[in-house]
């Protein structure tokens, strides 16, 4: 039985992944902050290690005795976060993880990056793992630091120091999103008579498909390769139409003009910089919501043997869980 360390094990992805690894017979060590909420993890038999990923000593102690390390922990929010915080948690902490894996001769590191470190495409020609990084213009501390961390992992692999694989999930949807992350999009679409939706679109993937892709990457992933874990490309209108069908709600759908959304985003960024007013819309968020952010998961289907679940099932599962737990 191999022992696997998961960082960020109490998060949306981390808790699902911890459960999937246990189900497949791995011994699991979960690294979480001492103050972290363990809601959603109470029923998972695993070793809990309390520590901070931006503390080198904590990371070394967490990695000790593990055969595999899966690094999921990061800051994902796109607003109200300083670049220094992104850099410390997303980049510097990843360096600590890599250093510990090298020092302790871990058999494999699975680094969970993001699809946005790979250039997106259109629905006709979606982004693939061969695309370069094109989203510097988004001015996103999250995306930029995830890209730098991904490159650091790949550099250590290229130098022959690390057995590492990178997975690049798109927008994950599913149940048990207890402190809503991606689930905020579903909650936004509920209980409205009039729904204003952004002009862009993105790739959506069932959270369980991402977990299977990560677990399969332990044995099937090629060292030094990246794998998009990408399910279905939808405009935001298409996404909310499916949600309306699942929920049985009827509403007026109004598309926000791209130029208007970007003006609002720039205004939000200016207010944040000049008056320190932190809203939920800034330039980065507006840019990403206006983007055709589409990808294909064909490589992961072929090499990691992932079979992608219909997106209707993912949305229905998330909706049911939120409803059962009184989120709306």
C-alpha atoms as a PDB file:
ATOM      1  CA  UNK A   1       0.000   0.000   0.000  1.00  0.00           C
ATOM      2  CA  UNK A   2       1.540   3.311  -1.096  1.00  0.00           C
ATOM      3  CA  UNK A   3       1.259   6.326   1.166  1.00  0.00           C
ATOM      4  CA  UNK A   4       0.052   9.530  -0.485  1.00  0.00           C
ATOM      5  CA  UNK A   5       0.335  13.064   0.893  1.00  0.00           C
ATOM      6  CA  UNK A   6      -2.368  15.502  -0.231  1.00  0.00           C
ATOM      7  CA  UNK A   7      -1.892  19.208   0.433  1.00  0.00           C
ATOM      8  CA  UNK A   8      -5.076  21.253   0.760  1.00  0.00           C
ATOM      9  CA  UNK A   9      -6.991  18.087   1.601  1.00  0.00           C
ATOM     10  CA  UNK A  10      -9.924  19.975   3.127  1.00  0.00           C
ATOM     11  CA  UNK A  11     -10.676  21.943  -0.043  1.00  0.00           C
ATOM     12  CA  UNK A  12     -13.290  21.178  -2.671  1.00  0.00           C
ATOM     13  CA  UNK A  13     -10.898  19.134  -4.809  1.00  0.00           C
ATOM     14  CA  UNK A  14      -8.777  17.912  -1.902  1.00  0.00           C
ATOM     15  CA  UNK A  15     -11.631  16.328   0.047  1.00  0.00           C
ATOM     16  CA  UNK A  16     -13.001  14.553  -3.040  1.00  0.00           C
ATOM     17  CA  UNK A  17      -9.504  13.369  -3.908  1.00  0.00           C
ATOM     18  CA  UNK A  18      -8.824  12.118  -0.385  1.00  0.00           C
ATOM     19  CA  UNK A  19     -12.025  10.076  -0.510  1.00  0.00           C
ATOM     20  CA  UNK A  20     -11.166   8.667  -3.961  1.00  0.00           C
ATOM     21  CA  UNK A  21      -7.646   7.656  -2.941  1.00  0.00           C
ATOM     22  CA  UNK A  22      -8.921   5.857   0.147  1.00  0.00           C
ATOM     23  CA  UNK A  23     -11.539   4.118  -1.985  1.00  0.00           C
ATOM     24  CA  UNK A  24      -8.791   2.867  -4.293  1.00  0.00           C
ATOM     25  CA  UNK A  25      -6.748   1.466  -1.429  1.00  0.00           C
ATOM     26  CA  UNK A  26      -4.086   4.113  -0.838  1.00  0.00           C
ATOM     27  CA  UNK A  27      -2.941   5.149   2.631  1.00  0.00           C
ATOM     28  CA  UNK A  28      -3.652   8.876   2.822  1.00  0.00           C
ATOM     29  CA  UNK A  29      -1.906  11.633   4.763  1.00  0.00           C
ATOM     30  CA  UNK A  30      -3.804  14.926   4.613  1.00  0.00           C
ATOM     31  CA  UNK A  31      -1.910  18.177   5.115  1.00  0.00           C
ATOM     32  CA  UNK A  32      -4.150  21.013   6.278  1.00  0.00           C
ATOM     33  CA  UNK A  33      -3.816  24.216   8.252  1.00  0.00           C
ATOM     34  CA  UNK A  34      -4.391  23.881  11.997  1.00  0.00           C
ATOM     35  CA  UNK A  35      -7.314  26.320  11.789  1.00  0.00           C
ATOM     36  CA  UNK A  36      -8.898  24.683   8.732  1.00  0.00           C
ATOM     37  CA  UNK A  37     -12.527  23.617   8.606  1.00  0.00           C
ATOM     38  CA  UNK A  38     -12.743  19.819   8.346  1.00  0.00           C
ATOM     39  CA  UNK A  39     -16.350  19.822   7.168  1.00  0.00           C
ATOM     40  CA  UNK A  40     -16.650  17.139   4.527  1.00  0.00           C
ATOM     41  CA  UNK A  41     -13.669  15.129   5.767  1.00  0.00           C
ATOM     42  CA  UNK A  42     -15.058  13.621   8.964  1.00  0.00           C
ATOM     43  CA  UNK A  43     -15.972  10.321   7.309  1.00  0.00           C
ATOM     44  CA  UNK A  44     -12.618   9.769   5.544  1.00  0.00           C
ATOM     45  CA  UNK A  45     -10.135   7.493   7.356  1.00  0.00           C
ATOM     46  CA  UNK A  46      -6.801   9.275   6.910  1.00  0.00           C
ATOM     47  CA  UNK A  47      -3.866  10.681   8.841  1.00  0.00           C
ATOM     48  CA  UNK A  48      -4.228  14.400   9.526  1.00  0.00           C
ATOM     49  CA  UNK A  49      -1.051  16.494   9.495  1.00  0.00           C
ATOM     50  CA  UNK A  50      -1.487  20.073  10.686  1.00  0.00           C
ATOM     51  CA  UNK A  51       0.895  22.527   9.047  1.00  0.00           C
ATOM     52  CA  UNK A  52       1.334  25.375   6.592  1.00  0.00           C
ATOM     53  CA  UNK A  53       2.576  24.794   3.053  1.00  0.00           C
ATOM     54  CA  UNK A  54       4.455  28.113   3.125  1.00  0.00           C
ATOM     55  CA  UNK A  55       6.551  26.835   6.056  1.00  0.00           C
ATOM     56  CA  UNK A  56       9.543  24.804   4.849  1.00  0.00           C
ATOM     57  CA  UNK A  57       9.852  22.765   8.067  1.00  0.00           C
ATOM     58  CA  UNK A  58       6.151  21.856   8.046  1.00  0.00           C
ATOM     59  CA  UNK A  59       6.418  20.733   4.428  1.00  0.00           C
ATOM     60  CA  UNK A  60       9.467  18.552   5.095  1.00  0.00           C
ATOM     61  CA  UNK A  61       7.721  16.886   8.010  1.00  0.00           C
ATOM     62  CA  UNK A  62       4.558  16.326   5.979  1.00  0.00           C
ATOM     63  CA  UNK A  63       6.393  14.740   3.035  1.00  0.00           C
ATOM     64  CA  UNK A  64       8.396  12.403   5.317  1.00  0.00           C
ATOM     65  CA  UNK A  65       7.426   8.758   4.848  1.00  0.00           C
ATOM     66  CA  UNK A  66       5.257   9.336   1.763  1.00  0.00           C
ATOM     67  CA  UNK A  67       5.679   7.587  -1.590  1.00  0.00           C
ATOM     68  CA  UNK A  68       3.509  10.002  -3.593  1.00  0.00           C
ATOM     69  CA  UNK A  69       2.761  13.705  -3.112  1.00  0.00           C
ATOM     70  CA  UNK A  70      -0.266  15.398  -4.687  1.00  0.00           C
ATOM     71  CA  UNK A  71      -0.057  19.167  -4.340  1.00  0.00           C
ATOM     72  CA  UNK A  72      -3.507  20.756  -4.625  1.00  0.00           C
ATOM     73  CA  UNK A  73      -3.250  23.589  -2.074  1.00  0.00           C
ATOM     74  CA  UNK A  74      -3.266  27.145  -3.444  1.00  0.00           C
ATOM     75  CA  UNK A  75      -5.077  30.466  -3.345  1.00  0.00           C
ATOM     76  CA  UNK A  76      -7.665  30.468  -6.142  1.00  0.00           C
ATOM     77  CA  UNK A  77      -9.702  33.631  -5.457  1.00  0.00           C
ATOM     78  CA  UNK A  78      -9.409  36.231  -8.209  1.00  0.00           C
ATOM     79  CA  UNK A  79      -9.989  39.310  -6.043  1.00  0.00           C
ATOM     80  CA  UNK A  80      -9.183  40.842  -2.641  1.00  0.00           C
ATOM     81  CA  UNK A  81      -5.809  39.034  -2.532  1.00  0.00           C
ATOM     82  CA  UNK A  82      -2.387  40.693  -2.684  1.00  0.00           C
ATOM     83  CA  UNK A  83       0.204  39.453  -5.166  1.00  0.00           C
ATOM     84  CA  UNK A  84       2.521  38.756  -2.233  1.00  0.00           C
ATOM     85  CA  UNK A  85      -0.006  36.286  -0.827  1.00  0.00           C
ATOM     86  CA  UNK A  86      -0.364  34.555  -4.199  1.00  0.00           C
ATOM     87  CA  UNK A  87       3.413  34.346  -4.534  1.00  0.00           C
ATOM     88  CA  UNK A  88       3.938  32.971  -1.034  1.00  0.00           C
ATOM     89  CA  UNK A  89       1.250  30.273  -1.198  1.00  0.00           C
ATOM     90  CA  UNK A  90       1.130  29.383  -4.901  1.00  0.00           C
ATOM     91  CA  UNK A  91       4.781  29.693  -5.901  1.00  0.00           C
ATOM     92  CA  UNK A  92       7.127  29.651  -2.896  1.00  0.00           C
ATOM     93  CA  UNK A  93       5.184  26.862  -1.183  1.00  0.00           C
ATOM     94  CA  UNK A  94       5.393  24.786  -4.375  1.00  0.00           C
ATOM     95  CA  UNK A  95       9.183  25.226  -4.305  1.00  0.00           C
ATOM     96  CA  UNK A  96       9.196  23.884  -0.738  1.00  0.00           C
ATOM     97  CA  UNK A  97       7.097  20.895  -1.831  1.00  0.00           C
ATOM     98  CA  UNK A  98       9.446  20.151  -4.748  1.00  0.00           C
ATOM     99  CA  UNK A  99      12.561  20.511  -2.583  1.00  0.00           C
ATOM    100  CA  UNK A 100      11.132  18.111   0.006  1.00  0.00           C
ATOM    101  CA  UNK A 101      10.167  15.593  -2.693  1.00  0.00           C
ATOM    102  CA  UNK A 102      13.682  15.686  -4.123  1.00  0.00           C
ATOM    103  CA  UNK A 103      15.378  15.443  -0.724  1.00  0.00           C
ATOM    104  CA  UNK A 104      13.217  12.513   0.365  1.00  0.00           C
ATOM    105  CA  UNK A 105      13.244  10.762  -3.025  1.00  0.00           C
ATOM    106  CA  UNK A 106       9.479  10.701  -3.419  1.00  0.00           C
ATOM    107  CA  UNK A 107       8.450   8.351  -6.222  1.00  0.00           C
ATOM    108  CA  UNK A 108       6.171  10.887  -7.908  1.00  0.00           C
ATOM    109  CA  UNK A 109       4.834  14.401  -7.465  1.00  0.00           C
ATOM    110  CA  UNK A 110       1.483  15.247  -9.045  1.00  0.00           C
ATOM    111  CA  UNK A 111       1.255  19.019  -9.291  1.00  0.00           C
ATOM    112  CA  UNK A 112      -2.308  20.288  -9.674  1.00  0.00           C
ATOM    113  CA  UNK A 113      -2.043  23.414 -11.789  1.00  0.00           C
ATOM    114  CA  UNK A 114      -4.838  25.117 -13.737  1.00  0.00           C
ATOM    115  CA  UNK A 115      -5.968  25.007 -17.358  1.00  0.00           C
ATOM    116  CA  UNK A 116      -5.288  28.738 -17.550  1.00  0.00           C
ATOM    117  CA  UNK A 117      -1.513  28.178 -17.632  1.00  0.00           C
ATOM    118  CA  UNK A 118      -2.232  26.855 -21.142  1.00  0.00           C
ATOM    119  CA  UNK A 119      -3.594  29.123 -23.850  1.00  0.00           C
ATOM    120  CA  UNK A 120      -7.343  28.652 -24.431  1.00  0.00           C
ATOM    121  CA  UNK A 121      -8.961  28.248 -27.818  1.00  0.00           C
ATOM    122  CA  UNK A 122     -12.362  28.448 -29.484  1.00  0.00           C
ATOM    123  CA  UNK A 123     -15.093  25.828 -29.471  1.00  0.00           C
ATOM    124  CA  UNK A 124     -13.998  24.760 -32.946  1.00  0.00           C
ATOM    125  CA  UNK A 125     -10.312  24.709 -32.005  1.00  0.00           C
ATOM    126  CA  UNK A 126     -10.079  24.326 -28.202  1.00  0.00           C
ATOM    127  CA  UNK A 127      -6.822  24.767 -26.327  1.00  0.00           C
ATOM    128  CA  UNK A 128      -4.488  21.777 -26.034  1.00  0.00           C
ATOM    129  CA  UNK A 129      -1.384  20.988 -23.997  1.00  0.00           C
ATOM    130  CA  UNK A 130       0.727  22.244 -26.935  1.00  0.00           C
ATOM    131  CA  UNK A 131      -0.527  25.819 -26.511  1.00  0.00           C
ATOM    132  CA  UNK A 132       1.753  28.347 -24.859  1.00  0.00           C
ATOM    133  CA  UNK A 133       0.856  30.641 -21.953  1.00  0.00           C
ATOM    134  CA  UNK A 134      -1.256  33.530 -23.278  1.00  0.00           C
ATOM    135  CA  UNK A 135      -3.073  34.977 -20.274  1.00  0.00           C
ATOM    136  CA  UNK A 136      -0.525  37.515 -18.972  1.00  0.00           C
ATOM    137  CA  UNK A 137      -2.993  40.185 -20.146  1.00  0.00           C
ATOM    138  CA  UNK A 138      -5.494  39.008 -17.552  1.00  0.00           C
ATOM    139  CA  UNK A 139      -3.237  40.505 -14.858  1.00  0.00           C
ATOM    140  CA  UNK A 140      -4.209  37.654 -12.526  1.00  0.00           C
ATOM    141  CA  UNK A 141      -2.011  36.981  -9.515  1.00  0.00           C
ATOM    142  CA  UNK A 142      -3.548  33.523  -9.321  1.00  0.00           C
ATOM    143  CA  UNK A 143      -2.873  32.548 -12.945  1.00  0.00           C
ATOM    144  CA  UNK A 144       0.602  34.105 -13.081  1.00  0.00           C
ATOM    145  CA  UNK A 145       1.851  32.424  -9.896  1.00  0.00           C
ATOM    146  CA  UNK A 146       0.365  29.060 -10.903  1.00  0.00           C
ATOM    147  CA  UNK A 147       2.211  29.355 -14.229  1.00  0.00           C
ATOM    148  CA  UNK A 148       5.500  30.157 -12.484  1.00  0.00           C
ATOM    149  CA  UNK A 149       5.016  27.228 -10.097  1.00  0.00           C
ATOM    150  CA  UNK A 150       4.199  24.878 -12.973  1.00  0.00           C
ATOM    151  CA  UNK A 151       7.330  25.958 -14.827  1.00  0.00           C
ATOM    152  CA  UNK A 152       9.449  25.392 -11.731  1.00  0.00           C
ATOM    153  CA  UNK A 153       8.109  21.839 -11.407  1.00  0.00           C
ATOM    154  CA  UNK A 154       8.818  21.129 -15.081  1.00  0.00           C
ATOM    155  CA  UNK A 155      12.317  22.629 -14.816  1.00  0.00           C
ATOM    156  CA  UNK A 156      13.188  20.274 -11.956  1.00  0.00           C
ATOM    157  CA  UNK A 157      11.863  17.333 -13.977  1.00  0.00           C
ATOM    158  CA  UNK A 158      13.920  18.407 -17.004  1.00  0.00           C
ATOM    159  CA  UNK A 159      17.018  18.603 -14.783  1.00  0.00           C
ATOM    160  CA  UNK A 160      16.483  14.970 -13.793  1.00  0.00           C
ATOM    161  CA  UNK A 161      15.921  15.818 -10.127  1.00  0.00           C
ATOM    162  CA  UNK A 162      12.191  15.106  -9.839  1.00  0.00           C
ATOM    163  CA  UNK A 163       9.638  12.555 -11.002  1.00  0.00           C
ATOM    164  CA  UNK A 164       6.778  14.963 -11.638  1.00  0.00           C
ATOM    165  CA  UNK A 165       3.522  15.166 -13.616  1.00  0.00           C
ATOM    166  CA  UNK A 166       1.320  18.249 -14.064  1.00  0.00           C
ATOM    167  CA  UNK A 167      -2.469  18.107 -14.316  1.00  0.00           C
ATOM    168  CA  UNK A 168      -4.441  21.142 -15.481  1.00  0.00           C
ATOM    169  CA  UNK A 169      -8.121  21.009 -14.450  1.00  0.00           C
ATOM    170  CA  UNK A 170     -10.689  23.365 -15.913  1.00  0.00           C
ATOM    171  CA  UNK A 171     -13.705  24.681 -13.936  1.00  0.00           C
ATOM    172  CA  UNK A 172     -14.762  21.930 -11.517  1.00  0.00           C
ATOM    173  CA  UNK A 173     -18.435  21.322 -10.717  1.00  0.00           C
ATOM    174  CA  UNK A 174     -19.975  18.831  -8.296  1.00  0.00           C
ATOM    175  CA  UNK A 175     -21.379  18.180  -4.815  1.00  0.00           C
ATOM    176  CA  UNK A 176     -19.766  18.777  -1.398  1.00  0.00           C
ATOM    177  CA  UNK A 177     -18.550  22.293  -2.212  1.00  0.00           C
ATOM    178  CA  UNK A 178     -19.013  23.206   1.438  1.00  0.00           C
ATOM    179  CA  UNK A 179     -17.340  26.642   1.371  1.00  0.00           C
ATOM    180  CA  UNK A 180     -18.450  27.376  -2.156  1.00  0.00           C
ATOM    181  CA  UNK A 181     -15.646  27.907  -4.629  1.00  0.00           C
ATOM    182  CA  UNK A 182     -16.706  27.034  -8.168  1.00  0.00           C
ATOM    183  CA  UNK A 183     -20.177  26.418  -6.719  1.00  0.00           C
ATOM    184  CA  UNK A 184     -20.612  30.181  -6.403  1.00  0.00           C
ATOM    185  CA  UNK A 185     -21.555  30.179 -10.081  1.00  0.00           C
ATOM    186  CA  UNK A 186     -24.459  27.817  -9.395  1.00  0.00           C
ATOM    187  CA  UNK A 187     -25.572  29.811  -6.350  1.00  0.00           C
ATOM    188  CA  UNK A 188     -25.448  32.983  -8.441  1.00  0.00           C
ATOM    189  CA  UNK A 189     -27.822  31.410 -10.955  1.00  0.00           C
ATOM    190  CA  UNK A 190     -30.466  30.404  -8.389  1.00  0.00           C
ATOM    191  CA  UNK A 191     -33.627  32.146  -7.190  1.00  0.00           C
ATOM    192  CA  UNK A 192     -33.566  35.014  -9.698  1.00  0.00           C
ATOM    193  CA  UNK A 193     -36.352  36.195 -11.965  1.00  0.00           C
ATOM    194  CA  UNK A 194     -33.849  38.045 -14.125  1.00  0.00           C
ATOM    195  CA  UNK A 195     -30.355  36.634 -14.663  1.00  0.00           C
ATOM    196  CA  UNK A 196     -27.555  38.759 -16.075  1.00  0.00           C
ATOM    197  CA  UNK A 197     -24.874  36.532 -17.540  1.00  0.00           C
ATOM    198  CA  UNK A 198     -21.384  37.302 -18.908  1.00  0.00           C
ATOM    199  CA  UNK A 199     -20.561  37.164 -22.626  1.00  0.00           C
ATOM    200  CA  UNK A 200     -17.794  34.529 -22.552  1.00  0.00           C
ATOM    201  CA  UNK A 201     -17.644  30.831 -21.798  1.00  0.00           C
ATOM    202  CA  UNK A 202     -15.380  28.155 -20.372  1.00  0.00           C
ATOM    203  CA  UNK A 203     -14.756  24.443 -20.011  1.00  0.00           C
ATOM    204  CA  UNK A 204     -16.601  22.675 -17.179  1.00  0.00           C
ATOM    205  CA  UNK A 205     -15.630  19.307 -15.691  1.00  0.00           C
ATOM    206  CA  UNK A 206     -17.129  17.004 -13.059  1.00  0.00           C
ATOM    207  CA  UNK A 207     -15.059  17.068  -9.851  1.00  0.00           C
ATOM    208  CA  UNK A 208     -14.980  13.262  -9.763  1.00  0.00           C
ATOM    209  CA  UNK A 209     -13.493  13.107 -13.266  1.00  0.00           C
ATOM    210  CA  UNK A 210     -10.674  15.363 -12.083  1.00  0.00           C
ATOM    211  CA  UNK A 211     -10.043  13.056  -9.123  1.00  0.00           C
ATOM    212  CA  UNK A 212      -9.865  10.006 -11.402  1.00  0.00           C
ATOM    213  CA  UNK A 213      -7.467  11.815 -13.710  1.00  0.00           C
ATOM    214  CA  UNK A 214      -5.165  12.723 -10.822  1.00  0.00           C
ATOM    215  CA  UNK A 215      -5.192   9.212  -9.352  1.00  0.00           C
ATOM    216  CA  UNK A 216      -4.599   7.647 -12.776  1.00  0.00           C
ATOM    217  CA  UNK A 217      -1.676  10.029 -13.321  1.00  0.00           C
ATOM    218  CA  UNK A 218       0.185   8.280 -10.486  1.00  0.00           C
ATOM    219  CA  UNK A 219       0.716   5.206 -12.651  1.00  0.00           C
ATOM    220  CA  UNK A 220      -0.192   6.308 -16.172  1.00  0.00           C
ATOM    221  CA  UNK A 221       1.084   9.886 -16.388  1.00  0.00           C
ATOM    222  CA  UNK A 222       4.318  10.481 -18.286  1.00  0.00           C
ATOM    223  CA  UNK A 223       7.020  12.202 -16.254  1.00  0.00           C
ATOM    224  CA  UNK A 224       7.333  15.844 -17.343  1.00  0.00           C
ATOM    225  CA  UNK A 225       3.998  15.917 -19.196  1.00  0.00           C
ATOM    226  CA  UNK A 226       0.976  18.169 -18.656  1.00  0.00           C
ATOM    227  CA  UNK A 227      -2.597  16.843 -18.868  1.00  0.00           C
ATOM    228  CA  UNK A 228      -5.672  18.999 -19.339  1.00  0.00           C
ATOM    229  CA  UNK A 229      -8.558  17.576 -17.310  1.00  0.00           C
ATOM    230  CA  UNK A 230     -11.249  19.168 -19.438  1.00  0.00           C
ATOM    231  CA  UNK A 231     -14.847  18.084 -19.867  1.00  0.00           C
ATOM    232  CA  UNK A 232     -17.341  20.234 -21.801  1.00  0.00           C
ATOM    233  CA  UNK A 233     -17.155  23.664 -23.441  1.00  0.00           C
ATOM    234  CA  UNK A 234     -20.157  25.886 -22.737  1.00  0.00           C
ATOM    235  CA  UNK A 235     -20.984  29.556 -23.033  1.00  0.00           C
ATOM    236  CA  UNK A 236     -22.301  31.010 -19.788  1.00  0.00           C
ATOM    237  CA  UNK A 237     -25.747  31.177 -21.367  1.00  0.00           C
ATOM    238  CA  UNK A 238     -25.589  27.457 -22.141  1.00  0.00           C
ATOM    239  CA  UNK A 239     -24.443  26.708 -18.603  1.00  0.00           C
ATOM    240  CA  UNK A 240     -27.288  28.666 -17.001  1.00  0.00           C
ATOM    241  CA  UNK A 241     -29.834  27.137 -19.385  1.00  0.00           C
ATOM    242  CA  UNK A 242     -28.816  23.684 -18.127  1.00  0.00           C
ATOM    243  CA  UNK A 243     -29.031  24.912 -14.531  1.00  0.00           C
ATOM    244  CA  UNK A 244     -32.535  26.266 -15.221  1.00  0.00           C
ATOM    245  CA  UNK A 245     -33.600  22.880 -16.578  1.00  0.00           C
ATOM    246  CA  UNK A 246     -32.157  21.091 -13.537  1.00  0.00           C
ATOM    247  CA  UNK A 247     -33.766  23.470 -11.032  1.00  0.00           C
ATOM    248  CA  UNK A 248     -37.070  23.844 -12.898  1.00  0.00           C
ATOM    249  CA  UNK A 249     -36.789  27.627 -12.702  1.00  0.00           C
ATOM    250  CA  UNK A 250     -37.845  29.996 -15.466  1.00  0.00           C
ATOM    251  CA  UNK A 251     -36.187  33.370 -15.734  1.00  0.00           C
ATOM    252  CA  UNK A 252     -35.366  36.180 -18.101  1.00  0.00           C
ATOM    253  CA  UNK A 253     -31.779  35.838 -19.381  1.00  0.00           C
ATOM    254  CA  UNK A 254     -29.908  39.049 -20.273  1.00  0.00           C
ATOM    255  CA  UNK A 255     -26.385  39.027 -21.720  1.00  0.00           C
ATOM    256  CA  UNK A 256     -24.048  41.661 -20.293  1.00  0.00           C
ATOM    257  CA  UNK A 257     -22.314  43.479 -23.166  1.00  0.00           C
ATOM    258  CA  UNK A 258     -18.578  42.742 -23.244  1.00  0.00           C
ATOM    259  CA  UNK A 259     -17.550  46.413 -23.271  1.00  0.00           C
ATOM    260  CA  UNK A 260     -19.828  47.208 -20.316  1.00  0.00           C
ATOM    261  CA  UNK A 261     -18.462  44.337 -18.247  1.00  0.00           C
ATOM    262  CA  UNK A 262     -14.883  45.436 -18.916  1.00  0.00           C
ATOM    263  CA  UNK A 263     -15.660  49.054 -17.997  1.00  0.00           C
ATOM    264  CA  UNK A 264     -17.149  47.850 -14.720  1.00  0.00           C
ATOM    265  CA  UNK A 265     -14.057  45.705 -14.119  1.00  0.00           C
ATOM    266  CA  UNK A 266     -11.642  48.581 -14.723  1.00  0.00           C
ATOM    267  CA  UNK A 267     -13.737  50.774 -12.410  1.00  0.00           C
ATOM    268  CA  UNK A 268     -13.546  48.113  -9.702  1.00  0.00           C
ATOM    269  CA  UNK A 269      -9.758  47.902 -10.011  1.00  0.00           C
ATOM    270  CA  UNK A 270      -9.383  51.702  -9.849  1.00  0.00           C
ATOM    271  CA  UNK A 271     -11.574  51.911  -6.730  1.00  0.00           C
ATOM    272  CA  UNK A 272      -9.507  49.161  -5.156  1.00  0.00           C
ATOM    273  CA  UNK A 273      -6.184  50.868  -5.873  1.00  0.00           C
ATOM    274  CA  UNK A 274      -7.148  54.458  -5.085  1.00  0.00           C
ATOM    275  CA  UNK A 275      -9.776  54.124  -2.366  1.00  0.00           C
ATOM    276  CA  UNK A 276      -9.029  50.587  -1.108  1.00  0.00           C
ATOM    277  CA  UNK A 277     -12.629  49.623  -1.822  1.00  0.00           C
ATOM    278  CA  UNK A 278     -12.609  45.892  -2.476  1.00  0.00           C
ATOM    279  CA  UNK A 279     -15.520  44.716  -4.593  1.00  0.00           C
ATOM    280  CA  UNK A 280     -16.212  41.394  -6.300  1.00  0.00           C
ATOM    281  CA  UNK A 281     -15.536  42.650  -9.812  1.00  0.00           C
ATOM    282  CA  UNK A 282     -12.164  43.876 -11.004  1.00  0.00           C
ATOM    283  CA  UNK A 283     -10.308  43.997 -14.302  1.00  0.00           C
ATOM    284  CA  UNK A 284      -9.084  40.392 -14.023  1.00  0.00           C
ATOM    285  CA  UNK A 285     -12.527  38.967 -13.278  1.00  0.00           C
ATOM    286  CA  UNK A 286     -14.149  40.976 -16.084  1.00  0.00           C
ATOM    287  CA  UNK A 287     -11.451  39.918 -18.551  1.00  0.00           C
ATOM    288  CA  UNK A 288     -11.879  36.221 -17.728  1.00  0.00           C
ATOM    289  CA  UNK A 289     -15.693  36.410 -17.817  1.00  0.00           C
ATOM    290  CA  UNK A 290     -15.510  37.934 -21.319  1.00  0.00           C
ATOM    291  CA  UNK A 291     -13.117  35.295 -22.630  1.00  0.00           C
ATOM    292  CA  UNK A 292     -13.838  32.270 -24.812  1.00  0.00           C
ATOM    293  CA  UNK A 293     -11.932  29.982 -22.442  1.00  0.00           C
ATOM    294  CA  UNK A 294     -12.228  26.578 -24.123  1.00  0.00           C
ATOM    295  CA  UNK A 295     -10.093  23.419 -23.880  1.00  0.00           C
ATOM    296  CA  UNK A 296     -10.044  19.755 -24.853  1.00  0.00           C
ATOM    297  CA  UNK A 297      -9.295  16.788 -22.602  1.00  0.00           C
ATOM    298  CA  UNK A 298      -8.486  14.330 -25.392  1.00  0.00           C
ATOM    299  CA  UNK A 299      -4.941  13.673 -24.191  1.00  0.00           C
ATOM    300  CA  UNK A 300      -6.160  12.744 -20.698  1.00  0.00           C
ATOM    301  CA  UNK A 301      -8.836  10.528 -22.262  1.00  0.00           C
ATOM    302  CA  UNK A 302      -6.191   8.758 -24.303  1.00  0.00           C
ATOM    303  CA  UNK A 303      -3.328   8.476 -21.794  1.00  0.00           C
ATOM    304  CA  UNK A 304      -4.970   8.702 -18.359  1.00  0.00           C
ATOM    305  CA  UNK A 305      -8.097   6.814 -19.427  1.00  0.00           C
ATOM    306  CA  UNK A 306     -10.474   9.469 -18.087  1.00  0.00           C
ATOM    307  CA  UNK A 307     -14.081   9.160 -19.265  1.00  0.00           C
ATOM    308  CA  UNK A 308     -15.811  12.491 -18.877  1.00  0.00           C
ATOM    309  CA  UNK A 309     -19.215  12.613 -17.203  1.00  0.00           C
ATOM    310  CA  UNK A 310     -22.040  14.558 -18.924  1.00  0.00           C
ATOM    311  CA  UNK A 311     -21.984  18.097 -17.577  1.00  0.00           C
ATOM    312  CA  UNK A 312     -25.727  17.861 -16.841  1.00  0.00           C
ATOM    313  CA  UNK A 313     -24.869  15.247 -14.182  1.00  0.00           C
ATOM    314  CA  UNK A 314     -22.252  17.491 -12.612  1.00  0.00           C
ATOM    315  CA  UNK A 315     -24.612  20.471 -12.433  1.00  0.00           C
ATOM    316  CA  UNK A 316     -27.474  18.316 -11.121  1.00  0.00           C
ATOM    317  CA  UNK A 317     -25.244  16.794  -8.434  1.00  0.00           C
ATOM    318  CA  UNK A 318     -24.030  20.191  -7.269  1.00  0.00           C
ATOM    319  CA  UNK A 319     -27.546  21.667  -7.317  1.00  0.00           C
ATOM    320  CA  UNK A 320     -28.976  18.777  -5.281  1.00  0.00           C
ATOM    321  CA  UNK A 321     -26.210  19.003  -2.681  1.00  0.00           C
ATOM    322  CA  UNK A 322     -26.605  22.766  -2.249  1.00  0.00           C
ATOM    323  CA  UNK A 323     -30.382  22.378  -1.965  1.00  0.00           C
ATOM    324  CA  UNK A 324     -30.170  19.532   0.563  1.00  0.00           C
ATOM    325  CA  UNK A 325     -27.764  21.582   2.685  1.00  0.00           C
ATOM    326  CA  UNK A 326     -29.916  24.743   2.603  1.00  0.00           C
ATOM    327  CA  UNK A 327     -27.575  26.981   0.585  1.00  0.00           C
ATOM    328  CA  UNK A 328     -30.627  28.440  -1.165  1.00  0.00           C
END
